């Protein structure tokens, strides 16, 4: 007897409360039930992980839906077993994965994708942080960009502790104060990037370091125009200019037909393994979430993430 693949788990961060993400998750649940799916809407990540494991092993799991952005997808891939299908009801700020794969924020449209969409596999990155491994799907950055992410995270957590009516929700406006703080206080310490595989190389005096799995960043800035999610490689984008002015120039040139790749102070390359170090504390971030401070080991894991996307 063929078991119908009709079970869907919707995972919602409990901090969403009665805000828009929770309401849209409930609407998605209702839409899927109309289509005869068996739906469980859960706020406990351990419960999500356990039920996903059981349903997937039984061959009944259509998909786990993360309500959130890139960090939500990364959390799910870190918590579930390889091969577990995941998709997103986008409600984050950047939503780079959702935009890359044309996933709608509209519950009705996403319900249609869950019913008719395709399952694909893509690479993931793996970071070794002090002996603890963590997967990421979009990118890692080290330096100024990560310093801003740390500031946004602190702002979000403070809002949640204060019981703000929109909980921990952030928007692009939430970045204004952290960016202003970093503009004044970040000092652009030097980093060394060691390319380990496939060809060993040392690249020193780096002030900005990015490692991409897909070719999206920020509002659509083409920093890594050649990155692909299924090529078995990470794309590195490294800059030596150590100031806010250099950052502005890199951004402007990248926006203009990716002209930054021709600069003598820039490197755009590919590899499968890296090690990033500094003799000063340098923060890094993974998929929009704080990761810690260097040193950091990074590598690609081919075909690690199973994603449900539109046809």
Protein backbone atom coordinates (compact mmCIF):
# COMPACT_ATOMS: atom_id res chain seq x y z
CA UNK A 1 0.00 0.00 0.00
CA UNK A 2 1.33 3.46 -0.95
CA UNK A 3 1.35 5.88 2.00
CA UNK A 4 0.05 9.33 0.99
CA UNK A 5 2.60 12.09 1.57
CA UNK A 6 0.16 14.52 3.16
CA UNK A 7 1.65 15.54 6.51
CA UNK A 8 2.86 19.13 6.92
CA UNK A 9 4.55 20.63 9.97
CA UNK A 10 4.45 24.41 10.36
CA UNK A 11 7.16 25.71 12.69
CA UNK A 12 6.56 29.15 14.25
CA UNK A 13 8.89 30.98 16.59
CA UNK A 14 6.98 31.44 19.87
CA UNK A 15 8.20 35.05 19.97
CA UNK A 16 5.82 35.72 17.09
CA UNK A 17 2.94 35.66 19.58
CA UNK A 18 -0.21 37.19 18.08
CA UNK A 19 1.77 39.11 15.48
CA UNK A 20 1.60 38.75 11.71
CA UNK A 21 3.79 35.60 11.41
CA UNK A 22 1.50 33.61 13.71
CA UNK A 23 -1.66 34.84 11.99
CA UNK A 24 -0.29 33.96 8.55
CA UNK A 25 0.85 30.55 9.81
CA UNK A 26 -2.71 29.86 10.97
CA UNK A 27 -4.05 30.97 7.60
CA UNK A 28 -1.60 28.64 5.84
CA UNK A 29 -2.74 25.80 8.10
CA UNK A 30 -6.37 26.46 7.19
CA UNK A 31 -5.56 26.58 3.46
CA UNK A 32 -3.68 23.29 3.63
CA UNK A 33 -6.47 21.58 5.55
CA UNK A 34 -8.86 22.65 2.79
CA UNK A 35 -6.56 20.74 0.44
CA UNK A 36 -6.82 17.63 2.69
CA UNK A 37 -3.34 17.88 4.19
CA UNK A 38 -2.77 16.81 7.79
CA UNK A 39 -1.22 19.86 9.45
CA UNK A 40 0.52 20.40 12.78
CA UNK A 41 1.30 23.98 13.80
CA UNK A 42 4.07 23.87 16.41
CA UNK A 43 6.07 26.44 18.38
CA UNK A 44 8.46 24.05 20.14
CA UNK A 45 11.54 23.34 18.01
CA UNK A 46 12.28 20.05 19.75
CA UNK A 47 8.76 18.86 18.96
CA UNK A 48 9.18 19.98 15.35
CA UNK A 49 12.44 18.03 15.11
CA UNK A 50 11.01 14.85 16.65
CA UNK A 51 7.82 14.77 14.58
CA UNK A 52 9.70 15.60 11.39
CA UNK A 53 12.01 12.67 12.06
CA UNK A 54 9.08 10.27 12.62
CA UNK A 55 6.97 11.44 9.65
CA UNK A 56 9.98 11.49 7.31
CA UNK A 57 11.05 7.98 8.34
CA UNK A 58 7.49 6.76 7.72
CA UNK A 59 7.45 8.37 4.26
CA UNK A 60 4.51 10.61 5.16
CA UNK A 61 6.14 14.04 5.41
CA UNK A 62 5.42 16.45 2.59
CA UNK A 63 7.35 19.36 4.11
CA UNK A 64 8.36 21.29 7.21
CA UNK A 65 7.37 24.95 6.79
CA UNK A 66 9.51 27.50 8.59
CA UNK A 67 7.73 30.79 9.26
CA UNK A 68 10.52 33.33 9.05
CA UNK A 69 13.58 34.22 7.01
CA UNK A 70 17.00 32.85 6.20
CA UNK A 71 17.89 32.25 9.84
CA UNK A 72 14.73 30.18 10.27
CA UNK A 73 15.66 27.96 7.32
CA UNK A 74 19.18 27.55 8.70
CA UNK A 75 17.79 26.58 12.11
CA UNK A 76 15.58 23.91 10.55
CA UNK A 77 18.37 22.39 8.47
CA UNK A 78 20.56 22.28 11.58
CA UNK A 79 17.83 20.61 13.65
CA UNK A 80 16.42 18.10 11.17
CA UNK A 81 17.96 15.03 9.54
CA UNK A 82 19.46 15.13 6.04
CA UNK A 83 16.78 14.71 3.40
CA UNK A 84 14.00 16.32 5.44
CA UNK A 85 12.09 18.61 3.02
CA UNK A 86 11.78 22.24 4.12
CA UNK A 87 10.14 25.35 2.70
CA UNK A 88 9.50 28.90 3.93
CA UNK A 89 6.54 31.14 4.63
CA UNK A 90 8.72 34.22 4.39
CA UNK A 91 8.33 36.73 7.20
CA UNK A 92 11.90 37.86 7.82
CA UNK A 93 13.53 41.09 6.69
CA UNK A 94 15.84 40.09 3.84
CA UNK A 95 14.30 36.69 2.90
CA UNK A 96 17.12 35.98 0.46
CA UNK A 97 16.30 32.28 0.09
CA UNK A 98 12.62 32.94 -0.45
CA UNK A 99 13.36 35.60 -3.07
CA UNK A 100 15.93 33.41 -4.79
CA UNK A 101 13.44 30.57 -5.19
CA UNK A 102 10.33 32.76 -5.72
CA UNK A 103 8.53 31.65 -2.55
CA UNK A 104 5.55 33.85 -1.74
CA UNK A 105 4.75 35.50 1.58
CA UNK A 106 1.09 34.86 0.77
CA UNK A 107 -0.27 31.79 2.65
CA UNK A 108 -2.69 30.94 -0.15
CA UNK A 109 0.07 30.88 -2.77
CA UNK A 110 2.43 28.92 -0.56
CA UNK A 111 -0.30 26.33 0.03
CA UNK A 112 -0.45 25.89 -3.74
CA UNK A 113 3.34 25.47 -3.88
CA UNK A 114 3.20 22.83 -1.13
CA UNK A 115 0.58 20.95 -3.11
CA UNK A 116 2.22 21.16 -6.55
CA UNK A 117 5.85 22.23 -6.05
CA UNK A 118 9.05 20.31 -6.64
CA UNK A 119 11.59 18.91 -4.19
CA UNK A 120 15.18 19.93 -4.96
CA UNK A 121 18.52 19.57 -3.22
CA UNK A 122 21.09 22.31 -2.74
CA UNK A 123 24.45 22.69 -1.08
CA UNK A 124 24.92 24.01 2.44
CA UNK A 125 27.90 25.58 4.10
CA UNK A 126 29.29 24.21 7.33
CA UNK A 127 31.06 26.36 9.93
CA UNK A 128 33.19 24.86 12.67
CA UNK A 129 32.88 27.23 15.62
CA UNK A 130 35.06 26.22 18.53
CA UNK A 131 34.45 22.54 17.84
CA UNK A 132 30.71 22.97 17.23
CA UNK A 133 29.45 22.53 13.67
CA UNK A 134 26.73 24.76 12.27
CA UNK A 135 25.19 24.71 8.81
CA UNK A 136 24.30 27.82 6.82
CA UNK A 137 22.45 28.21 3.53
CA UNK A 138 23.01 31.73 2.20
CA UNK A 139 26.30 33.19 3.40
CA UNK A 140 28.81 33.96 6.12
CA UNK A 141 30.40 37.38 6.53
CA UNK A 142 33.22 38.54 8.80
CA UNK A 143 33.87 42.12 9.87
CA UNK A 144 31.74 45.25 9.55
CA UNK A 145 28.69 43.44 8.18
CA UNK A 146 28.70 41.02 11.12
CA UNK A 147 29.16 43.88 13.59
CA UNK A 148 25.92 45.42 12.27
CA UNK A 149 24.14 42.06 12.56
CA UNK A 150 25.24 41.83 16.21
CA UNK A 151 23.73 45.27 16.82
CA UNK A 152 20.43 44.34 15.15
CA UNK A 153 20.25 41.13 17.17
CA UNK A 154 20.80 43.03 20.42
CA UNK A 155 18.09 45.53 19.41
CA UNK A 156 15.63 42.71 18.65
CA UNK A 157 16.27 40.92 21.92
CA UNK A 158 15.84 44.15 23.89
CA UNK A 159 12.48 44.79 22.21
CA UNK A 160 11.35 41.30 23.13
CA UNK A 161 12.41 41.71 26.77
CA UNK A 162 10.52 45.00 26.94
CA UNK A 163 7.34 43.30 25.73
CA UNK A 164 6.98 45.41 22.59
CA UNK A 165 3.62 44.80 20.95
CA UNK A 166 5.29 43.49 17.77
CA UNK A 167 7.61 41.26 19.72
CA UNK A 168 11.01 40.66 18.17
CA UNK A 169 9.92 41.71 14.66
CA UNK A 170 12.44 43.86 12.81
CA UNK A 171 12.43 45.77 9.52
CA UNK A 172 15.03 47.54 7.42
CA UNK A 173 14.55 50.57 9.70
CA UNK A 174 15.85 48.42 12.57
CA UNK A 175 19.28 48.52 10.92
CA UNK A 176 19.66 52.30 11.08
CA UNK A 177 20.93 52.59 14.65
CA UNK A 178 23.25 49.52 14.48
CA UNK A 179 24.73 50.75 11.18
CA UNK A 180 25.30 54.20 12.67
CA UNK A 181 27.01 52.67 15.69
CA UNK A 182 29.26 50.49 13.54
CA UNK A 183 30.12 53.42 11.26
CA UNK A 184 31.53 55.25 14.28
CA UNK A 185 33.10 52.44 16.29
CA UNK A 186 34.17 49.59 14.01
CA UNK A 187 37.93 49.69 13.35
CA UNK A 188 38.33 47.16 10.48
CA UNK A 189 40.94 44.79 11.95
CA UNK A 190 42.97 42.69 9.55
CA UNK A 191 41.99 39.13 8.75
CA UNK A 192 43.86 36.28 7.09
CA UNK A 193 41.92 33.95 4.81
CA UNK A 194 43.51 30.56 4.20
CA UNK A 195 42.11 28.74 1.19
CA UNK A 196 42.59 25.06 2.08
CA UNK A 197 40.96 23.14 -0.76
CA UNK A 198 41.18 22.53 -3.63
CA UNK A 199 44.35 24.69 -3.90
CA UNK A 200 46.18 25.98 -0.84
CA UNK A 201 46.60 29.76 -0.70
CA UNK A 202 47.06 32.46 1.95
CA UNK A 203 45.33 35.81 1.46
CA UNK A 204 46.24 38.37 4.12
CA UNK A 205 45.39 41.96 5.09
CA UNK A 206 41.67 41.37 4.44
CA UNK A 207 39.20 43.81 6.07
CA UNK A 208 35.88 42.51 4.65
CA UNK A 209 35.25 38.78 4.05
CA UNK A 210 32.14 37.13 2.58
CA UNK A 211 31.48 33.49 1.68
CA UNK A 212 28.38 32.84 -0.41
CA UNK A 213 26.32 29.77 -1.24
CA UNK A 214 23.76 31.66 -3.36
CA UNK A 215 24.14 34.84 -5.39
CA UNK A 216 21.95 37.09 -3.25
CA UNK A 217 22.88 39.62 -0.59
CA UNK A 218 21.10 42.49 1.15
CA UNK A 219 18.59 44.22 -1.09
CA UNK A 220 19.89 42.37 -4.16
CA UNK A 221 23.50 43.58 -4.23
CA UNK A 222 25.41 41.29 -6.67
CA UNK A 223 28.52 40.81 -4.54
CA UNK A 224 28.93 37.18 -5.66
CA UNK A 225 27.37 37.18 -9.14
CA UNK A 226 28.62 33.70 -10.05
CA UNK A 227 27.59 31.84 -6.87
CA UNK A 228 25.36 28.79 -7.37
CA UNK A 229 23.61 26.72 -4.76
CA UNK A 230 24.39 23.40 -6.48
CA UNK A 231 27.99 23.66 -7.72
CA UNK A 232 29.74 22.13 -4.71
CA UNK A 233 31.68 25.32 -3.97
CA UNK A 234 31.53 28.48 -1.88
CA UNK A 235 32.18 31.84 -3.54
CA UNK A 236 34.48 34.13 -1.55
CA UNK A 237 34.41 37.92 -1.85
CA UNK A 238 37.34 39.56 -0.07
CA UNK A 239 38.26 43.25 0.21
CA UNK A 240 41.41 44.88 1.57
CA UNK A 241 40.16 48.46 1.94
CA UNK A 242 39.83 49.22 5.66
CA UNK A 243 37.36 52.07 5.97
CA UNK A 244 33.71 53.03 5.61
CA UNK A 245 34.64 54.96 2.45
CA UNK A 246 36.05 51.77 0.91
CA UNK A 247 32.84 49.96 1.84
CA UNK A 248 30.76 52.62 0.13
CA UNK A 249 32.90 52.33 -3.02
CA UNK A 250 32.68 48.54 -3.05
CA UNK A 251 28.90 48.72 -2.70
CA UNK A 252 28.55 51.29 -5.48
CA UNK A 253 30.76 49.35 -7.89
CA UNK A 254 29.06 46.06 -7.08
CA UNK A 255 25.68 47.63 -7.82
CA UNK A 256 27.03 48.84 -11.17
CA UNK A 257 27.32 45.59 -13.14
CA UNK A 258 29.51 43.95 -10.47
CA UNK A 259 32.46 46.15 -11.36
CA UNK A 260 33.98 45.51 -7.90
CA UNK A 261 35.44 42.27 -9.22
CA UNK A 262 37.99 44.21 -11.30
CA UNK A 263 39.46 46.12 -8.33
CA UNK A 264 43.07 45.32 -7.34
CA UNK A 265 41.99 45.40 -3.66
CA UNK A 266 39.29 42.77 -4.23
CA UNK A 267 39.28 39.02 -4.76
CA UNK A 268 36.38 36.98 -6.05
CA UNK A 269 37.14 33.27 -5.98
CA UNK A 270 35.80 29.81 -5.25
CA UNK A 271 36.90 26.98 -3.00
CA UNK A 272 35.53 24.16 -0.88
CA UNK A 273 37.33 24.84 2.45
CA UNK A 274 38.61 27.96 4.21
CA UNK A 275 40.04 29.07 7.54
CA UNK A 276 39.65 32.71 8.62
CA UNK A 277 41.75 34.13 11.46
CA UNK A 278 42.68 37.46 13.03
CA UNK A 279 44.91 38.60 15.89
CA UNK A 280 42.05 40.86 17.06
CA UNK A 281 38.38 40.09 17.89
CA UNK A 282 36.47 40.07 14.59
CA UNK A 283 32.77 39.09 14.58
CA UNK A 284 31.13 36.87 12.00
CA UNK A 285 27.50 36.13 11.14
CA UNK A 286 25.71 33.22 9.47
CA UNK A 287 22.51 33.78 7.46
CA UNK A 288 21.77 36.98 9.39
CA UNK A 289 22.38 35.56 12.89
CA UNK A 290 25.41 36.32 15.10
CA UNK A 291 27.99 33.55 15.07
CA UNK A 292 30.77 34.66 17.42
CA UNK A 293 34.32 35.85 16.76
CA UNK A 294 37.17 34.46 14.67
CA UNK A 295 38.83 32.01 14.16
CA UNK A 296 36.45 30.18 11.88
CA UNK A 297 36.63 27.12 9.62
CA UNK A 298 34.21 26.95 6.70
CA UNK A 299 33.49 24.26 4.10
CA UNK A 300 30.85 23.29 1.58
CA UNK A 301 28.55 20.27 2.08
CA UNK A 302 27.16 19.25 -1.34
CA UNK A 303 23.44 18.42 -1.59
CA UNK A 304 22.85 18.80 2.14
CA UNK A 305 19.59 20.79 2.06
CA UNK A 306 16.27 19.51 0.68
CA UNK A 307 13.98 22.37 -0.34
CA UNK A 308 10.43 22.49 -1.67
CA UNK A 309 10.14 25.19 -4.34
CA UNK A 310 7.64 26.30 -6.99
CA UNK A 311 7.56 24.42 -10.29
